[in-house]
Amino acid sequence: MEKNDLSELIQDPMVQSACIQVKDNFGDYGIVGFFAMKNNHLIHFLFSCRVLNIGVEQWLYAKLGYPQVEVEAPIATPLRSNYTPNWICEVERFSESNEQTGPTLKRKCFMRGGCDLDSIVHYLNSDYDVATEFNYVSEKGFNAHRDHTMILRQAFMLPKHKIDFLIEHVPQYDSNTFHTGLMNSQYDFLIYSVLMDYTLAVYRYKEDQDLKFVTEDYSFLYTDSANWEQTILDNKGRITKSHLQWLSENFIGTPYSEEEFREGLTWLRNTVPENVPIIFLNGSEVPMEHEWEVDRYLHHRKMNRVLEEFCSKHNRVHIADVRKVVKEREDVTNNIRHYKREKYKDISYEILNILEQYKVREN
């Protein structure tokens, strides 16, 4: 949706719309949702994965009177009629303290990753000045992940004409894909999630090995014609059959290899200022059934070993080990990368423990 279209929708007197902000005992999640409804029909009803499994979407659906809604699969949480979560209440606005305190000098963290870090950042904000680079909605309407280490390397190493080629030919890429403040920011710590290195497929141009891009899950390759119909359906026609044919003729799709991952870690450590510690978030190893991510925990286990080996051999690189707090099937939600909300607070403690070690050393 274009900005002007959204503005017209919000200003339409026949449309009821609002943004949703959520706060609970674990912290303030900020603005996490939006809805627009006309004539008892939901036009838009969307929420961030930061509040997955809290029940906010079901509570709002009930508050609106269970209006008509056309659900487009896949979805993380199905809506139910005649059910209202009883642990959620509404306030007109959150109360804020008017007390003024003197300026405090906070250490700066630069966080880059996906929705796992988005669910953690508010737990760190009180003690650290946090700058973020997370996945975003691209100019073409895709959920754009730029947190893969390969994209970051390309941003610094590829010549402009090759970057332009990728932006032109990869639907999920846009002018922001290769933009980063990683080297422009003055920060004390880098916190980096490598989950997309574990997850996304790498597509390699047959005529030029420098031209590679990452997108979607490696177990559902665009180069496999058996996946085309579902790909076109899932992307609502933004990816066409002719494009998939061209891609399959010119690219080879594979998972990100262990060696490539190791090279990416090495490049990142060598590129970040040498006085900046790096804290990596690894992946959970919880076995779970999933339609296409079959035995994904085994792949996570393999990539986690690469990360552990790397961190054991180098200084100023650390792991905030997700496996310490995400141990059982009940700890994850719709896939191995999404955790129950209380687990994000526990993961934030793992990060804070590492950060505090540096504070102790300085004192």
Protein backbone atom coordinates (compact mmCIF):
# COMPACT_ATOMS: atom_id res chain seq x y z
CA MET A 1 0.00 0.00 0.00
CA GLU A 2 1.30 3.45 -0.94
CA LYS A 3 1.60 6.18 1.69
CA ASN A 4 -1.09 8.31 0.03
CA ASP A 5 -3.48 5.33 -0.08
CA LEU A 6 -2.96 4.71 3.63
CA SER A 7 -3.55 8.37 4.42
CA GLU A 8 -6.82 8.35 2.49
CA LEU A 9 -7.92 5.17 4.25
CA ILE A 10 -7.26 6.61 7.71
CA GLN A 11 -9.07 9.86 6.88
CA ASP A 12 -12.12 8.12 5.41
CA PRO A 13 -15.01 8.87 7.84
CA MET A 14 -16.60 5.51 6.97
CA VAL A 15 -13.50 3.59 8.09
CA GLN A 16 -12.67 2.80 11.70
CA SER A 17 -8.92 2.42 12.14
CA ALA A 18 -6.30 2.52 14.86
CA CYS A 19 -2.76 1.51 15.76
CA ILE A 20 -2.29 -0.91 18.64
CA GLN A 21 0.32 -0.43 21.36
CA VAL A 22 1.03 -3.16 23.90
CA LYS A 23 2.65 -3.15 27.31
CA ASP A 24 2.88 -5.96 29.85
CA ASN A 25 4.92 -7.04 32.87
CA PHE A 26 7.85 -7.88 30.61
CA GLY A 27 8.10 -4.44 29.02
CA ASP A 28 6.69 -2.01 26.47
CA TYR A 29 6.40 -3.56 23.01
CA GLY A 30 5.54 -0.25 21.35
CA ILE A 31 3.21 -0.06 18.35
CA VAL A 32 2.63 -3.64 17.24
CA GLY A 33 -0.54 -3.66 15.18
CA PHE A 34 -3.00 -1.86 12.91
CA PHE A 35 -6.57 -2.44 11.85
CA ALA A 36 -9.00 -0.79 9.47
CA MET A 37 -12.69 -1.76 9.35
CA LYS A 38 -15.59 -0.65 7.17
CA ASN A 39 -19.19 -1.86 7.36
CA ASN A 40 -18.25 -4.60 9.83
CA HIS A 41 -15.61 -5.94 7.44
CA LEU A 42 -11.91 -5.90 8.30
CA ILE A 43 -9.88 -4.36 5.48
CA HIS A 44 -6.58 -4.64 7.36
CA PHE A 45 -5.75 -6.59 10.50
CA LEU A 46 -2.03 -7.10 11.11
CA PHE A 47 0.34 -7.53 14.02
CA SER A 48 4.06 -7.79 14.68
CA CYS A 49 5.53 -11.12 15.72
CA ARG A 50 6.76 -9.32 18.86
CA VAL A 51 3.36 -10.02 20.42
CA LEU A 52 2.88 -13.49 19.00
CA ASN A 53 0.87 -15.71 21.39
CA ILE A 54 -0.01 -12.92 23.80
CA GLY A 55 -3.58 -12.98 22.50
CA VAL A 56 -3.77 -9.34 21.45
CA GLU A 57 -5.13 -10.06 17.98
CA GLN A 58 -7.90 -12.31 19.37
CA TRP A 59 -8.77 -9.75 22.05
CA LEU A 60 -9.07 -6.96 19.46
CA TYR A 61 -11.09 -9.19 17.13
CA ALA A 62 -13.53 -9.81 19.97
CA LYS A 63 -13.66 -6.12 20.95
CA LEU A 64 -14.58 -5.22 17.38
CA GLY A 65 -17.49 -7.66 17.54
CA TYR A 66 -16.05 -10.52 15.47
CA PRO A 67 -16.34 -8.69 12.12
CA GLN A 68 -16.04 -10.37 8.75
CA VAL A 69 -12.44 -11.01 7.71
CA GLU A 70 -10.85 -12.71 4.74
CA VAL A 71 -7.84 -14.57 6.09
CA GLU A 72 -4.90 -15.02 3.73
CA ALA A 73 -2.76 -18.03 4.67
CA PRO A 74 -0.26 -18.68 6.04
CA ILE A 75 -1.02 -17.08 9.42
CA ALA A 76 0.64 -17.54 12.80
CA THR A 77 -2.50 -17.35 14.95
CA PRO A 78 -6.03 -18.30 13.80
CA LEU A 79 -8.94 -16.12 14.92
CA ARG A 80 -11.83 -17.61 16.91
CA SER A 81 -15.43 -16.48 17.13
CA ASN A 82 -17.13 -15.97 20.51
CA TYR A 83 -13.88 -15.98 22.50
CA THR A 84 -12.24 -13.13 24.42
CA PRO A 85 -8.89 -13.49 26.25
CA ASN A 86 -9.53 -12.44 29.85
CA TRP A 87 -5.96 -11.41 30.71
CA ILE A 88 -5.91 -8.33 28.46
CA CYS A 89 -7.39 -4.93 29.31
CA GLU A 90 -7.58 -1.65 27.44
CA VAL A 91 -6.31 1.73 28.57
CA GLU A 92 -6.76 4.95 26.67
CA ARG A 93 -3.07 5.68 26.84
CA PHE A 94 -0.17 4.48 28.91
CA SER A 95 0.73 6.68 31.87
CA GLU A 96 4.15 8.24 31.70
CA SER A 97 6.18 9.71 34.51
CA ASN A 98 6.68 13.46 34.39
CA GLU A 99 9.72 13.34 36.61
CA GLN A 100 12.76 14.86 34.98
CA THR A 101 16.11 13.33 35.69
CA GLY A 102 19.52 14.55 34.79
CA PRO A 103 21.25 13.29 31.65
CA THR A 104 22.83 9.86 31.89
CA LEU A 105 25.57 8.59 29.65
CA LYS A 106 24.54 5.23 28.24
CA ARG A 107 26.74 2.78 26.40
CA LYS A 108 25.66 2.35 22.78
CA CYS A 109 24.60 -0.92 21.18
CA PHE A 110 24.08 -1.50 17.48
CA MET A 111 21.59 -4.32 16.88
CA ARG A 112 21.12 -6.01 13.51
CA GLY A 113 18.79 -8.91 12.89
CA GLY A 114 15.22 -10.02 12.46
CA CYS A 115 12.15 -10.29 14.62
CA ASP A 116 14.02 -12.15 17.36
CA LEU A 117 15.99 -9.00 18.18
CA ASP A 118 12.89 -6.86 17.68
CA SER A 119 11.34 -8.78 20.56
CA ILE A 120 14.38 -8.21 22.78
CA VAL A 121 15.38 -4.60 22.20
CA HIS A 122 12.92 -2.98 24.64
CA TYR A 123 14.41 -5.01 27.50
CA LEU A 124 17.77 -3.30 26.86
CA ASN A 125 16.59 0.26 26.27
CA SER A 126 16.57 1.29 29.93
CA ASP A 127 20.29 0.64 30.36
CA TYR A 128 21.71 1.12 26.87
CA ASP A 129 21.32 3.49 23.94
CA VAL A 130 20.22 1.09 21.21
CA ALA A 131 20.32 1.65 17.44
CA THR A 132 18.66 -1.00 15.30
CA GLU A 133 18.59 -2.43 11.78
CA PHE A 134 15.80 -4.99 11.48
CA ASN A 135 13.84 -6.57 8.68
CA TYR A 136 11.31 -4.21 7.09
CA VAL A 137 8.57 -4.03 4.46
CA SER A 138 10.24 -3.34 1.12
CA GLU A 139 9.18 -0.85 -1.52
CA LYS A 140 7.48 -3.72 -3.36
CA GLY A 141 5.66 -4.97 -0.28
CA PHE A 142 7.90 -7.90 0.69
CA ASN A 143 9.11 -8.73 4.18
CA ALA A 144 12.72 -7.79 3.51
CA HIS A 145 15.49 -9.50 5.48
CA ARG A 146 18.82 -7.71 5.10
CA ASP A 147 20.34 -9.26 8.23
CA HIS A 148 22.06 -12.09 6.36
CA THR A 149 25.85 -11.69 6.62
CA MET A 150 26.18 -12.21 2.85
CA ILE A 151 24.11 -9.09 2.15
CA LEU A 152 26.24 -7.11 4.57
CA ARG A 153 29.46 -8.26 2.88
CA GLN A 154 28.07 -7.42 -0.55
CA ALA A 155 27.14 -3.91 0.64
CA PHE A 156 30.84 -3.21 1.20
CA MET A 157 32.44 -5.37 -1.50
CA LEU A 158 30.26 -5.40 -4.62
CA PRO A 159 30.66 -2.66 -7.25
CA LYS A 160 27.63 -0.46 -7.82
CA HIS A 161 26.64 -1.97 -11.17
CA LYS A 162 26.37 -5.43 -9.59
CA ILE A 163 24.32 -4.12 -6.69
CA ASP A 164 22.06 -2.39 -9.21
CA PHE A 165 21.68 -5.69 -11.10
CA LEU A 166 20.54 -7.48 -7.94
CA ILE A 167 18.08 -4.74 -6.98
CA GLU A 168 16.62 -4.81 -10.48
CA HIS A 169 16.25 -8.60 -10.74
CA VAL A 170 15.45 -9.70 -7.17
CA PRO A 171 11.84 -8.80 -6.27
CA GLN A 172 12.55 -8.78 -2.52
CA TYR A 173 15.44 -6.32 -2.88
CA ASP A 174 15.09 -2.54 -3.03
CA SER A 175 17.17 0.60 -2.54
CA ASN A 176 17.44 -0.08 1.22
CA THR A 177 18.72 -3.65 0.99
CA PHE A 178 22.40 -2.72 0.94
CA HIS A 179 22.16 0.35 3.16
CA THR A 180 23.59 -0.01 6.66
CA GLY A 181 24.77 2.25 9.42
CA LEU A 182 27.12 -0.42 10.73
CA MET A 183 30.26 1.48 9.80
CA ASN A 184 28.82 4.97 10.22
CA SER A 185 27.72 4.63 13.85
CA GLN A 186 29.78 5.18 16.96
CA TYR A 187 28.81 2.25 19.17
CA ASP A 188 30.30 0.19 21.99
CA PHE A 189 28.76 -3.21 21.22
CA LEU A 190 27.37 -5.03 18.20
CA ILE A 191 24.52 -7.50 18.78
CA TYR A 192 23.87 -9.65 15.72
CA SER A 193 21.38 -12.43 15.04
CA VAL A 194 22.59 -15.03 12.54
CA LEU A 195 19.23 -16.80 12.18
CA MET A 196 18.83 -15.74 8.55
CA ASP A 197 22.23 -17.24 7.76
CA TYR A 198 20.72 -20.49 9.03
CA THR A 199 17.46 -20.09 7.09
CA LEU A 200 17.57 -18.29 3.75
CA ALA A 201 18.48 -19.91 0.44
CA VAL A 202 21.44 -18.58 -1.54
CA TYR A 203 20.89 -18.16 -5.30
CA ARG A 204 24.10 -18.06 -7.35
CA TYR A 205 24.24 -16.58 -10.84
CA LYS A 206 25.73 -19.15 -13.20
CA GLU A 207 27.61 -16.55 -15.28
CA ASP A 208 29.08 -14.57 -12.39
CA GLN A 209 29.70 -16.09 -8.94
CA ASP A 210 29.83 -12.61 -7.38
CA LEU A 211 26.15 -12.17 -8.18
CA LYS A 212 24.34 -13.97 -5.38
CA PHE A 213 21.22 -13.16 -3.47
CA VAL A 214 19.37 -14.63 -0.48
CA THR A 215 15.64 -14.99 0.02
CA GLU A 216 13.01 -17.30 1.47
CA ASP A 217 13.63 -20.67 3.11
CA TYR A 218 16.27 -22.95 1.60
CA SER A 219 13.89 -25.91 1.75
CA PHE A 220 11.44 -24.17 -0.62
CA LEU A 221 13.60 -23.21 -3.59
CA TYR A 222 12.38 -20.91 -6.34
CA THR A 223 14.47 -22.93 -8.80
CA ASP A 224 12.26 -25.98 -8.23
CA SER A 225 9.27 -25.78 -10.59
CA ALA A 226 7.22 -27.85 -8.14
CA ASN A 227 7.20 -24.78 -5.85
CA TRP A 228 6.19 -22.20 -8.45
CA GLU A 229 2.43 -22.33 -8.10
CA GLN A 230 2.59 -21.91 -4.32
CA THR A 231 5.23 -19.17 -4.64
CA ILE A 232 3.04 -17.15 -7.02
CA LEU A 233 0.02 -17.65 -4.75
CA ASP A 234 1.87 -16.72 -1.55
CA ASN A 235 3.27 -13.56 -3.12
CA LYS A 236 -0.05 -12.47 -4.65
CA GLY A 237 1.35 -12.24 -8.16
CA ARG A 238 4.31 -10.02 -7.25
CA ILE A 239 6.51 -12.90 -8.37
CA THR A 240 5.54 -14.21 -11.81
CA LYS A 241 6.02 -17.56 -13.51
CA SER A 242 8.19 -15.95 -16.20
CA HIS A 243 10.48 -14.55 -13.52
CA LEU A 244 10.76 -17.96 -11.82
CA GLN A 245 11.58 -19.56 -15.16
CA TRP A 246 14.31 -16.96 -15.80
CA LEU A 247 15.65 -17.46 -12.30
CA SER A 248 15.79 -21.26 -12.61
CA GLU A 249 17.63 -20.97 -15.93
CA ASN A 250 20.24 -18.56 -14.60
CA PHE A 251 20.67 -19.32 -10.90
CA ILE A 252 21.43 -22.29 -8.66
CA GLY A 253 19.72 -22.32 -5.25
CA THR A 254 21.32 -23.93 -2.17
CA PRO A 255 21.50 -23.46 1.61
CA TYR A 256 24.23 -21.20 2.99
CA SER A 257 27.15 -23.56 3.52
CA GLU A 258 29.11 -23.97 6.73
CA GLU A 259 32.21 -22.62 5.03
CA GLU A 260 30.37 -19.57 3.71
CA PHE A 261 28.98 -18.95 7.19
CA ARG A 262 32.47 -19.18 8.68
CA GLU A 263 33.78 -16.74 6.06
CA GLY A 264 30.96 -14.33 6.86
CA LEU A 265 31.75 -14.42 10.56
CA THR A 266 35.43 -13.85 9.88
CA TRP A 267 34.70 -10.91 7.58
CA LEU A 268 32.36 -9.33 10.12
CA ARG A 269 34.85 -9.60 12.98
CA ASN A 270 37.65 -8.18 10.82
CA THR A 271 35.47 -5.32 9.58
CA VAL A 272 33.91 -4.12 12.84
CA PRO A 273 36.21 -1.76 14.80
CA GLU A 274 38.62 -3.84 16.84
CA ASN A 275 37.53 -2.29 20.14
CA VAL A 276 33.87 -3.34 19.64
CA PRO A 277 32.76 -6.68 21.12
CA ILE A 278 30.27 -8.69 19.05
CA ILE A 279 27.45 -10.67 20.65
CA PHE A 280 25.86 -13.28 18.38
CA LEU A 281 22.45 -14.83 18.90
CA ASN A 282 22.47 -18.44 17.75
CA GLY A 283 19.51 -20.69 16.90
CA SER A 284 17.39 -23.00 19.02
CA GLU A 285 17.68 -26.76 18.56
CA VAL A 286 14.15 -27.74 19.54
CA PRO A 287 12.76 -30.66 17.49
CA MET A 288 9.34 -29.79 16.09
CA GLU A 289 7.07 -30.83 13.28
CA HIS A 290 6.76 -28.34 10.43
CA GLU A 291 5.28 -28.54 6.94
CA TRP A 292 8.53 -27.84 5.10
CA GLU A 293 11.20 -27.19 7.75
CA VAL A 294 11.74 -30.91 8.31
CA ASP A 295 14.29 -31.69 11.05
CA ARG A 296 15.42 -28.06 11.00
CA TYR A 297 16.90 -28.46 14.47
CA LEU A 298 19.64 -30.65 12.94
CA HIS A 299 20.64 -27.86 10.57
CA HIS A 300 20.63 -25.38 13.46
CA ARG A 301 22.83 -27.75 15.44
CA LYS A 302 25.34 -27.90 12.59
CA MET A 303 25.46 -24.11 12.14
CA ASN A 304 25.63 -23.55 15.90
CA ARG A 305 28.76 -25.70 15.99
CA VAL A 306 30.39 -23.47 13.40
CA LEU A 307 29.55 -20.39 15.47
CA GLU A 308 30.82 -21.99 18.68
CA GLU A 309 34.08 -23.02 17.06
CA PHE A 310 34.58 -19.53 15.66
CA CYS A 311 33.93 -17.79 18.97
CA SER A 312 36.22 -20.19 20.84
CA LYS A 313 39.14 -19.22 18.59
CA HIS A 314 38.76 -15.42 18.66
CA ASN A 315 38.55 -12.75 21.30
CA ARG A 316 35.73 -10.16 21.68
CA VAL A 317 33.15 -12.45 20.07
CA HIS A 318 30.47 -14.01 22.27
CA ILE A 319 27.31 -16.08 22.01
CA ALA A 320 24.06 -15.22 23.77
CA ASP A 321 23.02 -18.84 23.78
CA VAL A 322 19.33 -19.18 22.96
CA ARG A 323 19.53 -22.90 23.76
CA LYS A 324 19.87 -22.13 27.47
CA VAL A 325 16.31 -20.79 27.60
CA VAL A 326 14.57 -22.31 24.57
CA LYS A 327 14.70 -26.00 25.39
CA GLU A 328 11.29 -27.59 24.80
CA ARG A 329 8.61 -27.67 22.11
CA GLU A 330 6.45 -25.54 24.41
CA ASP A 331 9.08 -22.77 24.24
CA VAL A 332 8.58 -22.14 20.49
CA THR A 333 5.51 -21.12 18.55
CA ASN A 334 4.86 -21.53 14.81
CA ASN A 335 8.46 -22.35 13.85
CA ILE A 336 11.85 -22.99 15.41
CA ARG A 337 12.80 -19.29 15.19
CA HIS A 338 9.80 -17.83 17.04
CA TYR A 339 9.72 -18.20 20.82
CA LYS A 340 7.17 -17.68 23.57
CA ARG A 341 7.22 -14.08 24.75
CA GLU A 342 8.69 -14.81 28.21
CA LYS A 343 11.69 -16.46 26.53
CA TYR A 344 12.72 -13.17 24.94
CA LYS A 345 13.13 -11.66 28.38
CA ASP A 346 15.36 -14.60 29.35
CA ILE A 347 17.41 -14.16 26.18
CA SER A 348 17.82 -10.47 26.98
CA TYR A 349 19.34 -11.51 30.33
CA GLU A 350 21.87 -13.63 28.44
CA ILE A 351 22.84 -10.53 26.44
CA LEU A 352 22.93 -8.31 29.51
CA ASN A 353 25.17 -10.77 31.35
CA ILE A 354 27.75 -10.43 28.58
CA LEU A 355 27.42 -6.65 28.49
CA GLU A 356 27.84 -6.46 32.26
CA GLN A 357 31.10 -8.40 32.08
CA TYR A 358 32.60 -5.52 30.14
CA LYS A 359 31.28 -3.04 32.66
CA VAL A 360 33.02 -4.98 35.45
CA ARG A 361 36.29 -5.04 33.52
CA GLU A 362 36.15 -1.27 33.00
CA ASN A 363 35.58 -0.65 36.70
